[in-house]
Amino acid sequence: MAPLPSWSLCLKGTPSVQNAEAAFLSLLLFCHSGSSSSKIAIDNKIEQAMDLVKSHLMLAVREEMELLRKRINQLSERNAQLERENYILRALRDRQRH
């Protein structure tokens, strides 16, 4: 395997963007890692690259789904709180009218 470059990479953006960029970088490094004398068949290398991309995408999707689930729970709790507050305020308003 070829040595990795000595420079560092700074990925910016959301975690899912960072994961996508990291997956692409991993794929590029993987594809360029073999030498011309490598005995690995091109079909195997393509299959391995596709598996790598698939695993990175699945990880990114799982992370994004977890974030969305948490946000949905927060919004549901906030909605319930606002509905309770609205109910109380309407009850107080109706009391003051009578």
Protein backbone atom coordinates (compact mmCIF):
# COMPACT_ATOMS: atom_id res chain seq x y z
CA MET A 1 0.00 0.00 0.00
CA ALA A 2 1.30 3.47 -0.85
CA PRO A 3 2.12 5.79 2.06
CA LEU A 4 -0.45 8.42 2.96
CA PRO A 5 0.37 12.05 2.17
CA SER A 6 2.02 14.06 4.95
CA TRP A 7 -0.51 16.89 4.68
CA SER A 8 -3.61 16.96 6.85
CA LEU A 9 -7.16 17.34 5.63
CA CYS A 10 -9.69 19.61 7.31
CA LEU A 11 -13.25 18.59 6.51
CA LYS A 12 -15.87 21.28 6.97
CA GLY A 13 -19.64 21.11 7.15
CA THR A 14 -22.21 18.96 8.89
CA PRO A 15 -21.29 15.47 10.09
CA SER A 16 -23.03 13.91 7.09
CA VAL A 17 -21.11 16.17 4.67
CA GLN A 18 -17.89 15.34 6.50
CA ASN A 19 -18.69 11.63 6.27
CA ALA A 20 -19.42 11.90 2.55
CA GLU A 21 -16.17 13.76 1.97
CA ALA A 22 -14.26 11.25 4.10
CA ALA A 23 -15.85 8.37 2.16
CA PHE A 24 -14.84 9.95 -1.14
CA LEU A 25 -11.31 10.57 0.12
CA SER A 26 -11.08 6.96 1.37
CA LEU A 27 -12.25 5.72 -2.02
CA LEU A 28 -9.68 7.86 -3.85
CA LEU A 29 -6.87 6.70 -1.57
CA PHE A 30 -8.02 3.10 -1.93
CA CYS A 31 -8.12 3.27 -5.73
CA HIS A 32 -4.65 4.84 -5.91
CA SER A 33 -3.09 2.59 -3.28
CA GLY A 34 -2.25 -0.33 -5.57
CA SER A 35 0.89 -0.53 -7.65
CA SER A 36 1.01 -1.65 -11.27
CA SER A 37 2.50 -4.94 -10.12
CA SER A 38 -0.46 -5.59 -7.83
CA LYS A 39 -1.95 -9.06 -8.28
CA ILE A 40 -5.44 -8.03 -7.12
CA ALA A 41 -7.96 -8.38 -9.91
CA ILE A 42 -9.73 -5.20 -10.96
CA ASP A 43 -13.14 -6.76 -10.30
CA ASN A 44 -12.18 -7.47 -6.69
CA LYS A 45 -10.87 -3.95 -6.25
CA ILE A 46 -14.07 -2.46 -7.68
CA GLU A 47 -16.17 -4.67 -5.40
CA GLN A 48 -14.11 -3.65 -2.37
CA ALA A 49 -14.44 0.02 -3.31
CA MET A 50 -18.20 -0.33 -3.68
CA ASP A 51 -18.40 -2.05 -0.28
CA LEU A 52 -16.39 0.78 1.25
CA VAL A 53 -18.68 3.42 -0.26
CA LYS A 54 -21.75 1.48 0.87
CA SER A 55 -20.51 1.21 4.45
CA HIS A 56 -19.65 4.92 4.57
CA LEU A 57 -23.04 5.87 3.17
CA MET A 58 -24.86 3.59 5.61
CA LEU A 59 -22.94 5.13 8.50
CA ALA A 60 -23.78 8.65 7.33
CA VAL A 61 -27.46 7.74 6.91
CA ARG A 62 -27.59 6.16 10.39
CA GLU A 63 -26.01 9.24 11.96
CA GLU A 64 -28.39 11.56 10.14
CA MET A 65 -31.40 9.42 11.12
CA GLU A 66 -30.34 9.51 14.77
CA LEU A 67 -30.07 13.31 14.65
CA LEU A 68 -33.49 13.55 13.01
CA ARG A 69 -35.06 11.23 15.61
CA LYS A 70 -33.68 13.37 18.43
CA ARG A 71 -34.95 16.54 16.76
CA ILE A 72 -38.40 15.01 16.22
CA ASN A 73 -38.56 14.06 19.91
CA GLN A 74 -37.55 17.58 20.96
CA LEU A 75 -40.16 19.13 18.69
CA SER A 76 -42.86 16.72 19.89
CA GLU A 77 -42.11 17.59 23.52
CA ARG A 78 -42.14 21.31 22.72
CA ASN A 79 -45.43 20.92 20.84
CA ALA A 80 -47.03 19.12 23.79
CA GLN A 81 -45.79 21.83 26.16
CA LEU A 82 -47.22 24.59 23.95
CA GLU A 83 -50.54 22.75 23.62
CA ARG A 84 -50.80 22.53 27.43
CA GLU A 85 -49.93 26.21 27.76
CA ASN A 86 -52.50 27.11 25.09
CA TYR A 87 -55.18 25.07 26.88
CA ILE A 88 -54.47 26.83 30.19
CA LEU A 89 -54.45 30.29 28.61
CA ARG A 90 -57.76 29.65 26.85
CA ALA A 91 -59.29 28.40 30.08
CA LEU A 92 -58.12 31.55 31.90
CA ARG A 93 -59.44 33.75 29.10
CA ASP A 94 -62.84 32.04 29.22
CA ARG A 95 -62.95 32.46 33.01
CA GLN A 96 -62.32 36.18 32.76
CA ARG A 97 -65.10 36.60 30.19
CA HIS A 98 -67.72 35.15 32.56
